């Protein structure tokens, strides 16, 4: 079990360092993609018809609203990633504790399954709440995703 613990810590360290090293490059790339997606979404809105909440806005306001929503979708995606990653590490260590102290492999597996199901539920809730917030503003979150 200690080998699994060290392997998990090593992978977590590699992931964190890699994200920190690539943050600036990734931010520029994502900002460009968000702008492209916003332009494409605005063009499709013009073809399909503008939804009720956006119809009263000028073109500039509509563009800023869609760009803001695109950034919100990206931020929410990052938030879900970090919740899943940090939560996954926490679940792993808690399950490891159960495996060592409580009942061996069976307790380890059960704790992993319960923690995984809880994390899945949290991330699905976060995704659905974002969709409902954007739908209230007349926007489709799936058309603004950049990844």
N, C-alpha and C. Protein backbone atom coordinates (compact mmCIF):
# COMPACT_ATOMS: atom_id res chain seq x y z
N UNK A 1 0.81 -1.20 0.00
CA UNK A 1 0.00 0.00 0.00
C UNK A 1 0.86 1.27 0.00
N UNK A 2 2.01 1.22 0.63
CA UNK A 2 2.86 2.41 0.70
C UNK A 2 3.39 2.79 -0.68
N UNK A 3 3.59 1.80 -1.55
CA UNK A 3 4.04 2.08 -2.92
C UNK A 3 2.95 2.83 -3.68
N UNK A 4 1.71 2.44 -3.49
CA UNK A 4 0.58 3.12 -4.13
C UNK A 4 0.49 4.57 -3.63
N UNK A 5 0.74 4.76 -2.34
CA UNK A 5 0.71 6.10 -1.76
C UNK A 5 1.78 6.98 -2.39
N UNK A 6 3.00 6.49 -2.49
CA UNK A 6 4.08 7.27 -3.09
C UNK A 6 3.82 7.53 -4.58
N UNK A 7 3.27 6.57 -5.28
CA UNK A 7 2.95 6.77 -6.70
C UNK A 7 1.90 7.87 -6.86
N UNK A 8 0.88 7.87 -6.01
CA UNK A 8 -0.16 8.91 -6.08
C UNK A 8 0.41 10.28 -5.78
N UNK A 9 1.28 10.37 -4.78
CA UNK A 9 1.90 11.66 -4.47
C UNK A 9 2.78 12.15 -5.62
N UNK A 10 3.52 11.25 -6.25
CA UNK A 10 4.35 11.62 -7.39
C UNK A 10 3.53 12.12 -8.56
N UNK A 11 2.45 11.43 -8.87
CA UNK A 11 1.58 11.87 -9.97
C UNK A 11 0.93 13.22 -9.67
N UNK A 12 0.52 13.43 -8.43
CA UNK A 12 -0.07 14.72 -8.05
C UNK A 12 0.94 15.84 -8.21
N UNK A 13 2.18 15.60 -7.79
CA UNK A 13 3.22 16.63 -7.91
C UNK A 13 3.50 16.94 -9.37
N UNK A 14 3.58 15.94 -10.22
CA UNK A 14 3.83 16.15 -11.65
C UNK A 14 2.69 16.95 -12.27
N UNK A 15 1.46 16.64 -11.91
CA UNK A 15 0.30 17.35 -12.45
C UNK A 15 0.31 18.81 -12.04
N UNK A 16 0.56 19.09 -10.79
CA UNK A 16 0.55 20.46 -10.30
C UNK A 16 1.66 21.29 -10.95
N UNK A 17 2.86 20.74 -11.00
CA UNK A 17 3.99 21.45 -11.61
C UNK A 17 3.73 21.68 -13.10
N UNK A 18 3.20 20.69 -13.80
CA UNK A 18 2.90 20.84 -15.22
C UNK A 18 1.86 21.92 -15.47
N UNK A 19 0.81 21.97 -14.65
CA UNK A 19 -0.21 23.01 -14.81
C UNK A 19 0.36 24.39 -14.55
N UNK A 20 1.21 24.52 -13.57
CA UNK A 20 1.81 25.82 -13.28
C UNK A 20 2.74 26.28 -14.39
N UNK A 21 3.48 25.36 -14.99
CA UNK A 21 4.41 25.72 -16.06
C UNK A 21 3.69 26.14 -17.33
N UNK A 22 2.56 25.55 -17.62
CA UNK A 22 1.85 25.82 -18.86
C UNK A 22 0.71 26.82 -18.72
N UNK A 23 0.56 27.44 -17.57
CA UNK A 23 -0.61 28.30 -17.30
C UNK A 23 -0.69 29.49 -18.25
N UNK A 24 0.41 30.21 -18.47
CA UNK A 24 0.36 31.41 -19.31
C UNK A 24 0.05 31.06 -20.76
N UNK A 25 0.72 30.06 -21.30
CA UNK A 25 0.47 29.64 -22.68
C UNK A 25 -0.97 29.17 -22.83
N UNK A 26 -1.46 28.41 -21.87
CA UNK A 26 -2.81 27.87 -21.94
C UNK A 26 -3.85 28.98 -21.86
N UNK A 27 -3.59 30.01 -21.06
CA UNK A 27 -4.54 31.12 -20.91
C UNK A 27 -4.70 31.86 -22.23
N UNK A 28 -3.60 32.14 -22.91
CA UNK A 28 -3.67 32.82 -24.20
C UNK A 28 -4.42 31.98 -25.23
N UNK A 29 -4.14 30.71 -25.27
CA UNK A 29 -4.80 29.81 -26.22
C UNK A 29 -6.29 29.73 -25.95
N UNK A 30 -6.66 29.62 -24.68
CA UNK A 30 -8.07 29.50 -24.31
C UNK A 30 -8.81 30.80 -24.60
N UNK A 31 -8.21 31.92 -24.32
CA UNK A 31 -8.85 33.21 -24.58
C UNK A 31 -9.14 33.38 -26.07
N UNK A 32 -8.22 32.95 -26.92
CA UNK A 32 -8.44 33.00 -28.37
C UNK A 32 -9.59 32.08 -28.77
N UNK A 33 -9.62 30.87 -28.21
CA UNK A 33 -10.70 29.93 -28.53
C UNK A 33 -12.06 30.43 -28.05
N UNK A 34 -12.09 31.07 -26.89
CA UNK A 34 -13.35 31.62 -26.39
C UNK A 34 -13.87 32.69 -27.34
N UNK A 35 -12.99 33.55 -27.83
CA UNK A 35 -13.39 34.58 -28.80
C UNK A 35 -13.92 33.97 -30.08
N UNK A 36 -13.26 32.92 -30.57
CA UNK A 36 -13.72 32.24 -31.79
C UNK A 36 -15.08 31.60 -31.58
N UNK A 37 -15.25 30.92 -30.44
CA UNK A 37 -16.54 30.27 -30.14
C UNK A 37 -17.65 31.31 -30.00
N UNK A 38 -17.33 32.45 -29.38
CA UNK A 38 -18.34 33.50 -29.20
C UNK A 38 -18.77 34.05 -30.55
N UNK A 39 -17.82 34.28 -31.46
CA UNK A 39 -18.15 34.77 -32.79
C UNK A 39 -19.03 33.77 -33.55
N UNK A 40 -18.66 32.51 -33.46
CA UNK A 40 -19.45 31.47 -34.14
C UNK A 40 -20.85 31.37 -33.54
N UNK A 41 -20.95 31.49 -32.23
CA UNK A 41 -22.24 31.42 -31.57
C UNK A 41 -23.11 32.62 -31.95
N UNK A 42 -22.51 33.81 -32.01
CA UNK A 42 -23.27 35.00 -32.42
C UNK A 42 -23.76 34.88 -33.86
N UNK A 43 -22.91 34.32 -34.73
CA UNK A 43 -23.32 34.12 -36.12
C UNK A 43 -24.49 33.14 -36.21
N UNK A 44 -24.44 32.08 -35.43
CA UNK A 44 -25.54 31.12 -35.46
C UNK A 44 -26.81 31.71 -34.84
N UNK A 45 -26.66 32.59 -33.85
CA UNK A 45 -27.83 33.25 -33.28
C UNK A 45 -28.50 34.15 -34.32
N UNK A 46 -27.70 34.82 -35.14
CA UNK A 46 -28.27 35.67 -36.18
C UNK A 46 -29.03 34.85 -37.21
N UNK A 47 -28.50 33.66 -37.53
CA UNK A 47 -29.18 32.79 -38.51
C UNK A 47 -30.45 32.17 -37.93
N UNK A 48 -30.37 31.70 -36.68
CA UNK A 48 -31.48 30.96 -36.08
C UNK A 48 -32.50 31.86 -35.40
N UNK A 49 -32.13 33.07 -35.10
CA UNK A 49 -33.01 33.96 -34.36
C UNK A 49 -32.50 34.14 -32.94
N UNK A 50 -32.54 35.37 -32.49
CA UNK A 50 -32.01 35.71 -31.17
C UNK A 50 -33.04 35.36 -30.11
N UNK A 51 -32.63 34.67 -29.02
CA UNK A 51 -33.57 34.35 -27.94
C UNK A 51 -34.11 35.60 -27.25
N UNK A 52 -35.21 35.45 -26.58
CA UNK A 52 -35.91 36.56 -25.92
C UNK A 52 -35.00 37.39 -25.00
N UNK A 53 -34.23 36.79 -24.08
CA UNK A 53 -33.42 37.63 -23.18
C UNK A 53 -32.34 38.44 -23.90
N UNK A 54 -31.90 37.98 -25.05
CA UNK A 54 -30.84 38.69 -25.78
C UNK A 54 -31.37 39.65 -26.83
N UNK A 55 -32.64 39.59 -27.13
CA UNK A 55 -33.18 40.39 -28.23
C UNK A 55 -33.19 41.89 -27.93
N UNK A 56 -33.29 42.26 -26.67
CA UNK A 56 -33.34 43.67 -26.32
C UNK A 56 -31.96 44.32 -26.30
N UNK A 57 -30.91 43.55 -26.42
CA UNK A 57 -29.54 44.07 -26.34
C UNK A 57 -29.04 44.53 -27.69
N UNK A 58 -28.09 45.45 -27.66
CA UNK A 58 -27.42 45.85 -28.89
C UNK A 58 -26.40 44.77 -29.25
N UNK A 59 -25.81 44.89 -30.44
CA UNK A 59 -24.83 43.89 -30.88
C UNK A 59 -23.61 43.85 -29.96
N UNK A 60 -23.15 45.00 -29.50
CA UNK A 60 -21.98 45.05 -28.62
C UNK A 60 -22.30 44.41 -27.27
N UNK A 61 -23.48 44.74 -26.72
CA UNK A 61 -23.88 44.13 -25.45
C UNK A 61 -24.02 42.62 -25.59
N UNK A 62 -24.61 42.19 -26.69
CA UNK A 62 -24.79 40.76 -26.92
C UNK A 62 -23.43 40.05 -27.03
N UNK A 63 -22.50 40.68 -27.75
CA UNK A 63 -21.16 40.10 -27.89
C UNK A 63 -20.47 40.00 -26.53
N UNK A 64 -20.55 41.05 -25.73
CA UNK A 64 -19.93 41.04 -24.40
C UNK A 64 -20.59 40.00 -23.48
N UNK A 65 -21.89 39.85 -23.61
CA UNK A 65 -22.60 38.85 -22.81
C UNK A 65 -22.16 37.44 -23.19
N UNK A 66 -22.03 37.19 -24.48
CA UNK A 66 -21.61 35.86 -24.93
C UNK A 66 -20.15 35.60 -24.54
N UNK A 67 -19.27 36.60 -24.67
CA UNK A 67 -17.89 36.43 -24.23
C UNK A 67 -17.80 36.17 -22.73
N UNK A 68 -18.59 36.90 -21.98
CA UNK A 68 -18.62 36.70 -20.52
C UNK A 68 -19.11 35.29 -20.18
N UNK A 69 -20.12 34.85 -20.89
CA UNK A 69 -20.64 33.50 -20.65
C UNK A 69 -19.60 32.44 -21.04
N UNK A 70 -18.86 32.69 -22.11
CA UNK A 70 -17.80 31.77 -22.51
C UNK A 70 -16.72 31.67 -21.45
N UNK A 71 -16.36 32.80 -20.88
CA UNK A 71 -15.36 32.79 -19.79
C UNK A 71 -15.92 32.10 -18.55
N UNK A 72 -17.21 32.29 -18.31
CA UNK A 72 -17.85 31.62 -17.17
C UNK A 72 -17.88 30.11 -17.36
N UNK A 73 -18.14 29.66 -18.59
CA UNK A 73 -18.13 28.22 -18.89
C UNK A 73 -16.73 27.67 -18.66
N UNK A 74 -15.72 28.40 -19.10
CA UNK A 74 -14.34 27.94 -18.92
C UNK A 74 -13.95 27.90 -17.43
N UNK A 75 -14.33 28.94 -16.70
CA UNK A 75 -14.02 28.97 -15.26
C UNK A 75 -14.72 27.83 -14.52
N UNK A 76 -15.95 27.57 -14.90
CA UNK A 76 -16.70 26.47 -14.27
C UNK A 76 -16.08 25.13 -14.62
N UNK A 77 -15.60 24.99 -15.84
CA UNK A 77 -14.92 23.76 -16.24
C UNK A 77 -13.65 23.56 -15.42
N UNK A 78 -12.89 24.63 -15.23
CA UNK A 78 -11.68 24.56 -14.40
C UNK A 78 -12.04 24.21 -12.96
N UNK A 79 -13.10 24.83 -12.46
CA UNK A 79 -13.54 24.56 -11.09
C UNK A 79 -13.92 23.10 -10.92
N UNK A 80 -14.66 22.55 -11.87
CA UNK A 80 -15.03 21.12 -11.80
C UNK A 80 -13.79 20.24 -11.86
N UNK A 81 -12.81 20.60 -12.70
CA UNK A 81 -11.58 19.83 -12.79
C UNK A 81 -10.86 19.80 -11.45
N UNK A 82 -10.73 20.97 -10.82
CA UNK A 82 -10.02 21.01 -9.55
C UNK A 82 -10.79 20.31 -8.44
N UNK A 83 -12.11 20.43 -8.43
CA UNK A 83 -12.91 19.70 -7.45
C UNK A 83 -12.71 18.20 -7.64
N UNK A 84 -12.75 17.74 -8.88
CA UNK A 84 -12.57 16.32 -9.14
C UNK A 84 -11.16 15.85 -8.81
N UNK A 85 -10.15 16.64 -9.16
CA UNK A 85 -8.76 16.24 -8.91
C UNK A 85 -8.43 16.24 -7.43
N UNK A 86 -8.70 17.34 -6.76
CA UNK A 86 -8.39 17.41 -5.33
C UNK A 86 -9.30 16.47 -4.54
N UNK A 87 -10.56 16.41 -4.93
CA UNK A 87 -11.47 15.47 -4.28
C UNK A 87 -11.05 14.02 -4.49
N UNK A 88 -10.58 13.73 -5.71
CA UNK A 88 -10.10 12.37 -5.99
C UNK A 88 -8.91 12.00 -5.14
N UNK A 89 -8.00 12.95 -4.96
CA UNK A 89 -6.84 12.69 -4.10
C UNK A 89 -7.29 12.49 -2.65
N UNK A 90 -8.22 13.32 -2.19
CA UNK A 90 -8.71 13.19 -0.82
C UNK A 90 -9.43 11.85 -0.63
N UNK A 91 -10.25 11.48 -1.59
CA UNK A 91 -10.95 10.19 -1.52
C UNK A 91 -9.95 9.05 -1.50
N UNK A 92 -8.91 9.15 -2.32
CA UNK A 92 -7.90 8.10 -2.35
C UNK A 92 -7.24 7.94 -0.98
N UNK A 93 -6.86 9.06 -0.36
CA UNK A 93 -6.17 8.96 0.93
C UNK A 93 -7.11 8.48 2.04
N UNK A 94 -8.36 8.91 1.99
CA UNK A 94 -9.32 8.41 2.97
C UNK A 94 -9.55 6.92 2.76
N UNK A 95 -9.68 6.51 1.51
CA UNK A 95 -9.85 5.08 1.22
C UNK A 95 -8.62 4.29 1.64
N UNK A 96 -7.46 4.87 1.45
CA UNK A 96 -6.23 4.22 1.88
C UNK A 96 -6.22 4.05 3.39
N UNK A 97 -6.69 5.05 4.10
CA UNK A 97 -6.80 4.94 5.56
C UNK A 97 -7.76 3.84 5.97
N UNK A 98 -8.90 3.77 5.28
CA UNK A 98 -9.85 2.69 5.56
C UNK A 98 -9.23 1.33 5.24
N UNK A 99 -8.49 1.27 4.14
CA UNK A 99 -7.87 0.00 3.76
C UNK A 99 -6.83 -0.46 4.76
N UNK A 100 -6.08 0.48 5.30
CA UNK A 100 -5.03 0.13 6.26
C UNK A 100 -5.62 -0.19 7.64
N UNK A 101 -6.57 0.63 8.08
CA UNK A 101 -7.06 0.51 9.45
C UNK A 101 -8.28 -0.41 9.59
N UNK A 102 -9.16 -0.41 8.62
CA UNK A 102 -10.46 -1.06 8.82
C UNK A 102 -10.51 -2.49 8.32
N UNK A 103 -10.45 -2.68 7.02
CA UNK A 103 -10.74 -4.02 6.55
C UNK A 103 -10.00 -4.45 5.31
N UNK A 104 -8.88 -3.87 5.03
CA UNK A 104 -8.09 -4.31 3.88
C UNK A 104 -8.64 -3.82 2.56
N UNK A 105 -8.49 -4.68 1.56
CA UNK A 105 -8.84 -4.30 0.19
C UNK A 105 -10.33 -4.04 0.00
N UNK A 106 -11.16 -4.77 0.71
CA UNK A 106 -12.61 -4.58 0.57
C UNK A 106 -13.02 -3.18 1.05
N UNK A 107 -12.52 -2.75 2.19
CA UNK A 107 -12.84 -1.42 2.71
C UNK A 107 -12.26 -0.34 1.80
N UNK A 108 -11.05 -0.56 1.28
CA UNK A 108 -10.43 0.39 0.36
C UNK A 108 -11.29 0.58 -0.88
N UNK A 109 -11.72 -0.52 -1.47
CA UNK A 109 -12.53 -0.48 -2.69
C UNK A 109 -13.89 0.18 -2.43
N UNK A 110 -14.51 -0.16 -1.32
CA UNK A 110 -15.81 0.41 -0.99
C UNK A 110 -15.70 1.92 -0.76
N UNK A 111 -14.67 2.36 -0.05
CA UNK A 111 -14.48 3.79 0.18
C UNK A 111 -14.21 4.53 -1.13
N UNK A 112 -13.43 3.92 -2.02
CA UNK A 112 -13.19 4.53 -3.34
C UNK A 112 -14.48 4.66 -4.13
N UNK A 113 -15.31 3.62 -4.10
CA UNK A 113 -16.57 3.65 -4.86
C UNK A 113 -17.51 4.72 -4.32
N UNK A 114 -17.64 4.80 -3.00
CA UNK A 114 -18.53 5.80 -2.40
C UNK A 114 -18.02 7.21 -2.68
N UNK A 115 -16.72 7.42 -2.51
CA UNK A 115 -16.13 8.73 -2.78
C UNK A 115 -16.24 9.12 -4.24
N UNK A 116 -16.02 8.16 -5.14
CA UNK A 116 -16.15 8.43 -6.57
C UNK A 116 -17.57 8.81 -6.95
N UNK A 117 -18.54 8.11 -6.37
CA UNK A 117 -19.95 8.44 -6.65
C UNK A 117 -20.30 9.83 -6.13
N UNK A 118 -19.78 10.17 -4.95
CA UNK A 118 -20.04 11.51 -4.39
C UNK A 118 -19.42 12.59 -5.26
N UNK A 119 -18.19 12.38 -5.71
CA UNK A 119 -17.54 13.37 -6.58
C UNK A 119 -18.27 13.51 -7.91
N UNK A 120 -18.72 12.39 -8.46
CA UNK A 120 -19.48 12.44 -9.70
C UNK A 120 -20.75 13.27 -9.51
N UNK A 121 -21.44 13.05 -8.41
CA UNK A 121 -22.65 13.81 -8.12
C UNK A 121 -22.39 15.30 -7.99
N UNK A 122 -21.30 15.66 -7.34
CA UNK A 122 -20.96 17.07 -7.17
C UNK A 122 -20.66 17.72 -8.52
N UNK A 123 -19.86 17.05 -9.36
CA UNK A 123 -19.52 17.64 -10.65
C UNK A 123 -20.73 17.74 -11.58
N UNK A 124 -21.62 16.75 -11.53
CA UNK A 124 -22.84 16.82 -12.34
C UNK A 124 -23.72 17.96 -11.86
N UNK A 125 -23.84 18.14 -10.55
CA UNK A 125 -24.61 19.26 -10.00
C UNK A 125 -24.03 20.59 -10.46
N UNK A 126 -22.70 20.72 -10.42
CA UNK A 126 -22.07 21.96 -10.86
C UNK A 126 -22.34 22.23 -12.33
N UNK A 127 -22.25 21.19 -13.17
CA UNK A 127 -22.50 21.36 -14.60
C UNK A 127 -23.94 21.75 -14.87
N UNK A 128 -24.88 21.10 -14.20
CA UNK A 128 -26.30 21.41 -14.43
C UNK A 128 -26.68 22.78 -13.92
N UNK A 129 -26.09 23.21 -12.81
CA UNK A 129 -26.42 24.56 -12.31
C UNK A 129 -25.89 25.63 -13.27
N UNK A 130 -24.71 25.40 -13.87
CA UNK A 130 -24.20 26.34 -14.87
C UNK A 130 -25.14 26.39 -16.08
N UNK A 131 -25.55 25.25 -16.56
CA UNK A 131 -26.47 25.22 -17.71
C UNK A 131 -27.76 25.98 -17.41
N UNK A 132 -28.31 25.79 -16.22
CA UNK A 132 -29.56 26.47 -15.90
C UNK A 132 -29.36 27.98 -15.77
N UNK A 133 -28.22 28.42 -15.20
CA UNK A 133 -27.95 29.86 -15.11
C UNK A 133 -27.82 30.48 -16.50
N UNK A 134 -27.13 29.80 -17.40
CA UNK A 134 -26.97 30.34 -18.75
C UNK A 134 -28.28 30.26 -19.54
N UNK A 135 -29.04 29.20 -19.33
CA UNK A 135 -30.32 29.08 -20.03
C UNK A 135 -31.27 30.20 -19.62
N UNK A 136 -31.18 30.64 -18.37
CA UNK A 136 -32.02 31.75 -17.92
C UNK A 136 -31.66 33.04 -18.65
N UNK A 137 -30.42 33.15 -19.11
CA UNK A 137 -29.98 34.32 -19.88
C UNK A 137 -30.13 34.11 -21.39
N UNK A 138 -30.66 32.96 -21.79
CA UNK A 138 -30.88 32.69 -23.21
C UNK A 138 -29.67 32.13 -23.93
N UNK A 139 -28.72 31.55 -23.21
CA UNK A 139 -27.49 31.04 -23.82
C UNK A 139 -27.39 29.53 -23.62
N UNK A 140 -26.69 28.89 -24.55
CA UNK A 140 -26.48 27.45 -24.49
C UNK A 140 -25.03 27.18 -24.09
N UNK A 141 -24.83 26.54 -22.95
CA UNK A 141 -23.49 26.30 -22.43
C UNK A 141 -22.69 25.37 -23.33
N UNK A 142 -23.34 24.42 -23.96
CA UNK A 142 -22.62 23.45 -24.80
C UNK A 142 -22.01 24.09 -26.03
N UNK A 143 -22.62 25.15 -26.52
CA UNK A 143 -22.09 25.82 -27.72
C UNK A 143 -20.94 26.76 -27.39
N UNK A 144 -20.73 27.02 -26.11
CA UNK A 144 -19.65 27.91 -25.68
C UNK A 144 -18.45 27.16 -25.12
N UNK A 145 -18.54 25.84 -25.01
CA UNK A 145 -17.41 25.07 -24.47
C UNK A 145 -16.21 25.17 -25.37
N UNK A 146 -15.03 25.21 -24.77
CA UNK A 146 -13.80 25.34 -25.55
C UNK A 146 -12.96 24.08 -25.54
N UNK A 147 -13.34 23.08 -24.79
CA UNK A 147 -12.53 21.85 -24.77
C UNK A 147 -13.32 20.64 -25.13
